[in-house]
Amino acid sequence: DQLAKSAVTALASLYGTKFKYGSIIKAIYQASGSTIDWTYSQGIKYSFTFELRDTGRYGFLLPASPPASQIVPTAQETWLALRTIMEHTLQHP
């Protein structure tokens, strides 16, 4: 959870977007048959799922029409989280 917390902190540092972190069932909803299940069964050490920022009208989708302005900021902040995860995995294979 510390790595996920660090990734979410990095993500929020750019625009202040709030994200939850933790197991899918605790943070979002129960889901089975996902990539997370497969990576766990394969013994893969690091496995993450990202959901997109819009949790209001559009759910986890970023609309193609206004406010399409969410697309670039989402990519920018998500990159910060991914970079945090990648740097950690390089240091802790």
N, C-alpha and C. Protein backbone atom coordinates (compact mmCIF):
# COMPACT_ATOMS: atom_id res chain seq x y z
N ASP A 1 0.81 -1.21 0.00
CA ASP A 1 0.00 0.00 0.00
C ASP A 1 0.85 1.27 0.00
N GLN A 2 2.07 1.19 0.50
CA GLN A 2 2.92 2.38 0.53
C GLN A 2 3.26 2.85 -0.88
N LEU A 3 3.53 1.94 -1.78
CA LEU A 3 3.82 2.32 -3.16
C LEU A 3 2.59 2.94 -3.81
N ALA A 4 1.44 2.35 -3.60
CA ALA A 4 0.20 2.91 -4.15
C ALA A 4 -0.06 4.30 -3.58
N LYS A 5 0.18 4.46 -2.30
CA LYS A 5 0.00 5.78 -1.66
C LYS A 5 0.95 6.80 -2.28
N SER A 6 2.20 6.41 -2.50
CA SER A 6 3.18 7.31 -3.11
C SER A 6 2.76 7.68 -4.54
N ALA A 7 2.25 6.71 -5.28
CA ALA A 7 1.80 6.97 -6.65
C ALA A 7 0.62 7.93 -6.66
N VAL A 8 -0.33 7.73 -5.76
CA VAL A 8 -1.50 8.63 -5.68
C VAL A 8 -1.08 10.03 -5.24
N THR A 9 -0.12 10.11 -4.34
CA THR A 9 0.40 11.41 -3.90
C THR A 9 1.06 12.13 -5.08
N ALA A 10 1.84 11.42 -5.87
CA ALA A 10 2.47 12.01 -7.06
C ALA A 10 1.41 12.46 -8.05
N LEU A 11 0.40 11.64 -8.26
CA LEU A 11 -0.69 11.96 -9.17
C LEU A 11 -1.40 13.24 -8.74
N ALA A 12 -1.69 13.35 -7.46
CA ALA A 12 -2.42 14.51 -6.94
C ALA A 12 -1.58 15.78 -6.92
N SER A 13 -0.26 15.64 -7.00
CA SER A 13 0.62 16.81 -6.87
C SER A 13 0.45 17.81 -8.00
N LEU A 14 -0.05 17.38 -9.14
CA LEU A 14 -0.15 18.27 -10.29
C LEU A 14 -1.42 19.11 -10.28
N TYR A 15 -2.58 18.47 -10.12
CA TYR A 15 -3.85 19.19 -10.17
C TYR A 15 -4.71 19.01 -8.93
N GLY A 16 -4.22 18.26 -7.96
CA GLY A 16 -4.99 18.04 -6.74
C GLY A 16 -6.13 17.04 -6.90
N THR A 17 -6.10 16.25 -7.97
CA THR A 17 -7.14 15.25 -8.19
C THR A 17 -7.08 14.21 -7.09
N LYS A 18 -8.22 13.88 -6.53
CA LYS A 18 -8.31 12.90 -5.44
C LYS A 18 -8.58 11.51 -6.00
N PHE A 19 -7.76 10.56 -5.59
CA PHE A 19 -7.95 9.17 -5.97
C PHE A 19 -7.85 8.30 -4.74
N LYS A 20 -8.59 7.20 -4.74
CA LYS A 20 -8.47 6.19 -3.69
C LYS A 20 -7.43 5.18 -4.13
N TYR A 21 -6.84 4.50 -3.17
CA TYR A 21 -5.94 3.41 -3.52
C TYR A 21 -6.20 2.25 -2.57
N GLY A 22 -5.83 1.08 -2.99
CA GLY A 22 -6.03 -0.13 -2.21
C GLY A 22 -6.53 -1.24 -3.10
N SER A 23 -6.91 -2.34 -2.49
CA SER A 23 -7.42 -3.45 -3.30
C SER A 23 -8.70 -2.99 -4.00
N ILE A 24 -8.95 -3.56 -5.16
CA ILE A 24 -10.12 -3.13 -5.94
C ILE A 24 -11.40 -3.25 -5.12
N ILE A 25 -11.57 -4.36 -4.43
CA ILE A 25 -12.82 -4.57 -3.69
C ILE A 25 -13.01 -3.54 -2.58
N LYS A 26 -11.92 -3.05 -2.00
CA LYS A 26 -12.03 -2.05 -0.93
C LYS A 26 -12.11 -0.63 -1.47
N ALA A 27 -11.42 -0.36 -2.57
CA ALA A 27 -11.34 1.01 -3.07
C ALA A 27 -12.46 1.37 -4.04
N ILE A 28 -12.92 0.40 -4.84
CA ILE A 28 -13.90 0.74 -5.87
C ILE A 28 -15.12 -0.17 -5.78
N TYR A 29 -14.96 -1.42 -6.20
CA TYR A 29 -16.08 -2.37 -6.22
C TYR A 29 -15.53 -3.77 -6.42
N GLN A 30 -16.35 -4.76 -6.19
CA GLN A 30 -15.93 -6.14 -6.40
C GLN A 30 -15.84 -6.42 -7.90
N ALA A 31 -14.73 -6.99 -8.31
CA ALA A 31 -14.54 -7.34 -9.72
C ALA A 31 -13.71 -8.61 -9.78
N SER A 32 -14.11 -9.51 -10.63
CA SER A 32 -13.34 -10.74 -10.78
C SER A 32 -13.00 -10.95 -12.24
N GLY A 33 -12.01 -11.78 -12.49
CA GLY A 33 -11.61 -12.07 -13.86
C GLY A 33 -10.84 -10.94 -14.50
N SER A 34 -10.30 -10.06 -13.71
CA SER A 34 -9.57 -8.92 -14.25
C SER A 34 -8.09 -9.25 -14.43
N THR A 35 -7.39 -8.33 -15.03
CA THR A 35 -5.94 -8.47 -15.19
C THR A 35 -5.26 -8.61 -13.84
N ILE A 36 -5.79 -7.94 -12.83
CA ILE A 36 -5.22 -8.03 -11.48
C ILE A 36 -5.27 -9.47 -10.99
N ASP A 37 -6.37 -10.16 -11.21
CA ASP A 37 -6.47 -11.57 -10.82
C ASP A 37 -5.40 -12.41 -11.53
N TRP A 38 -5.23 -12.17 -12.81
CA TRP A 38 -4.26 -12.94 -13.58
C TRP A 38 -2.84 -12.67 -13.10
N THR A 39 -2.48 -11.40 -12.91
CA THR A 39 -1.11 -11.09 -12.48
C THR A 39 -0.83 -11.69 -11.10
N TYR A 40 -1.82 -11.65 -10.22
CA TYR A 40 -1.66 -12.26 -8.90
C TYR A 40 -1.41 -13.76 -9.03
N SER A 41 -2.17 -14.42 -9.89
CA SER A 41 -2.02 -15.87 -10.06
C SER A 41 -0.67 -16.23 -10.68
N GLN A 42 -0.06 -15.29 -11.39
CA GLN A 42 1.25 -15.52 -12.01
C GLN A 42 2.41 -15.14 -11.10
N GLY A 43 2.11 -14.64 -9.90
CA GLY A 43 3.15 -14.25 -8.96
C GLY A 43 3.85 -12.95 -9.32
N ILE A 44 3.19 -12.13 -10.11
CA ILE A 44 3.78 -10.84 -10.50
C ILE A 44 3.72 -9.90 -9.30
N LYS A 45 4.86 -9.34 -8.95
CA LYS A 45 5.00 -8.58 -7.70
C LYS A 45 4.21 -7.27 -7.70
N TYR A 46 4.25 -6.54 -8.79
CA TYR A 46 3.59 -5.24 -8.85
C TYR A 46 2.48 -5.27 -9.89
N SER A 47 1.29 -4.93 -9.47
CA SER A 47 0.16 -4.91 -10.39
C SER A 47 -0.80 -3.80 -9.96
N PHE A 48 -1.12 -2.92 -10.88
CA PHE A 48 -1.96 -1.78 -10.56
C PHE A 48 -3.05 -1.61 -11.60
N THR A 49 -4.17 -1.05 -11.17
CA THR A 49 -5.25 -0.68 -12.07
C THR A 49 -5.49 0.81 -11.89
N PHE A 50 -5.56 1.52 -12.99
CA PHE A 50 -5.87 2.95 -12.94
C PHE A 50 -7.28 3.15 -13.49
N GLU A 51 -8.06 3.97 -12.83
CA GLU A 51 -9.36 4.39 -13.34
C GLU A 51 -9.24 5.85 -13.73
N LEU A 52 -9.99 6.27 -14.72
CA LEU A 52 -9.92 7.66 -15.16
C LEU A 52 -10.61 8.59 -14.16
N ARG A 53 -10.28 9.84 -14.24
CA ARG A 53 -10.64 10.80 -13.20
C ARG A 53 -12.13 11.17 -13.12
N ASP A 54 -12.86 11.16 -14.19
CA ASP A 54 -14.25 11.61 -14.10
C ASP A 54 -15.10 10.55 -13.42
N THR A 55 -15.61 10.87 -12.24
CA THR A 55 -16.48 9.94 -11.52
C THR A 55 -17.89 10.51 -11.39
N GLY A 56 -18.17 11.56 -12.12
CA GLY A 56 -19.48 12.18 -12.08
C GLY A 56 -20.35 11.73 -13.22
N ARG A 57 -20.68 12.63 -14.08
CA ARG A 57 -21.61 12.39 -15.18
C ARG A 57 -21.15 11.29 -16.14
N TYR A 58 -19.86 11.19 -16.39
CA TYR A 58 -19.35 10.28 -17.40
C TYR A 58 -18.78 8.98 -16.84
N GLY A 59 -18.89 8.77 -15.56
CA GLY A 59 -18.30 7.57 -14.97
C GLY A 59 -16.79 7.63 -15.06
N PHE A 60 -16.16 6.55 -15.48
CA PHE A 60 -14.71 6.54 -15.62
C PHE A 60 -14.27 6.87 -17.05
N LEU A 61 -15.17 7.40 -17.85
CA LEU A 61 -14.85 7.77 -19.23
C LEU A 61 -14.44 9.22 -19.29
N LEU A 62 -13.62 9.54 -20.27
CA LEU A 62 -13.33 10.94 -20.58
C LEU A 62 -14.02 11.23 -21.90
N PRO A 63 -15.01 12.11 -21.90
CA PRO A 63 -15.82 12.34 -23.10
C PRO A 63 -14.99 12.90 -24.26
N ALA A 64 -15.41 12.56 -25.48
CA ALA A 64 -14.74 13.05 -26.68
C ALA A 64 -15.06 14.51 -26.95
N SER A 65 -16.19 14.98 -26.45
CA SER A 65 -16.54 16.38 -26.62
C SER A 65 -16.36 17.08 -25.27
N PRO A 66 -16.50 18.40 -25.23
CA PRO A 66 -16.25 19.09 -23.95
C PRO A 66 -16.93 18.38 -22.79
N PRO A 67 -16.24 18.16 -21.69
CA PRO A 67 -14.92 18.71 -21.35
C PRO A 67 -13.76 17.81 -21.75
N ALA A 68 -13.50 17.69 -23.05
CA ALA A 68 -12.36 16.89 -23.52
C ALA A 68 -11.06 17.42 -22.97
N SER A 69 -11.12 18.61 -22.38
CA SER A 69 -9.93 19.19 -21.78
C SER A 69 -9.41 18.34 -20.62
N GLN A 70 -10.16 17.32 -20.20
CA GLN A 70 -9.68 16.44 -19.13
C GLN A 70 -8.65 15.43 -19.63
N ILE A 71 -8.57 15.22 -20.94
CA ILE A 71 -7.71 14.17 -21.48
C ILE A 71 -6.23 14.45 -21.21
N VAL A 72 -5.74 15.62 -21.57
CA VAL A 72 -4.31 15.92 -21.38
C VAL A 72 -3.95 15.98 -19.89
N PRO A 73 -4.72 16.68 -19.04
CA PRO A 73 -4.38 16.67 -17.62
C PRO A 73 -4.38 15.27 -17.01
N THR A 74 -5.30 14.42 -17.45
CA THR A 74 -5.34 13.04 -16.95
C THR A 74 -4.06 12.31 -17.33
N ALA A 75 -3.62 12.48 -18.57
CA ALA A 75 -2.37 11.84 -19.01
C ALA A 75 -1.18 12.37 -18.22
N GLN A 76 -1.14 13.67 -18.00
CA GLN A 76 -0.02 14.26 -17.27
C GLN A 76 0.07 13.75 -15.84
N GLU A 77 -1.05 13.76 -15.13
CA GLU A 77 -1.01 13.33 -13.73
C GLU A 77 -0.80 11.82 -13.61
N THR A 78 -1.37 11.05 -14.55
CA THR A 78 -1.17 9.60 -14.52
C THR A 78 0.28 9.26 -14.78
N TRP A 79 0.94 10.01 -15.66
CA TRP A 79 2.36 9.78 -15.92
C TRP A 79 3.18 9.93 -14.63
N LEU A 80 2.85 10.91 -13.81
CA LEU A 80 3.58 11.09 -12.55
C LEU A 80 3.45 9.86 -11.66
N ALA A 81 2.25 9.30 -11.60
CA ALA A 81 2.03 8.09 -10.80
C ALA A 81 2.80 6.91 -11.39
N LEU A 82 2.73 6.76 -12.71
CA LEU A 82 3.44 5.66 -13.36
C LEU A 82 4.95 5.78 -13.17
N ARG A 83 5.46 6.99 -13.26
CA ARG A 83 6.90 7.20 -13.06
C ARG A 83 7.31 6.82 -11.65
N THR A 84 6.48 7.15 -10.67
CA THR A 84 6.75 6.77 -9.28
C THR A 84 6.82 5.26 -9.15
N ILE A 85 5.87 4.57 -9.75
CA ILE A 85 5.84 3.10 -9.69
C ILE A 85 7.06 2.52 -10.40
N MET A 86 7.39 3.04 -11.58
CA MET A 86 8.53 2.50 -12.33
C MET A 86 9.85 2.73 -11.59
N GLU A 87 10.02 3.90 -11.00
CA GLU A 87 11.25 4.16 -10.24
C GLU A 87 11.37 3.20 -9.07
N HIS A 88 10.26 2.94 -8.40
CA HIS A 88 10.27 1.99 -7.28
C HIS A 88 10.62 0.58 -7.74
N THR A 89 10.03 0.16 -8.84
CA THR A 89 10.29 -1.21 -9.31
C THR A 89 11.73 -1.38 -9.79
N LEU A 90 12.34 -0.31 -10.29
CA LEU A 90 13.76 -0.39 -10.66
C LEU A 90 14.63 -0.60 -9.43
N GLN A 91 14.26 0.05 -8.33
CA GLN A 91 15.04 -0.05 -7.09
C GLN A 91 14.70 -1.29 -6.28
N HIS A 92 13.52 -1.86 -6.50
CA HIS A 92 13.05 -3.03 -5.74
C HIS A 92 12.47 -4.07 -6.68
N PRO A 93 13.32 -4.71 -7.50
CA PRO A 93 12.80 -5.68 -8.48
C PRO A 93 12.13 -6.90 -7.85
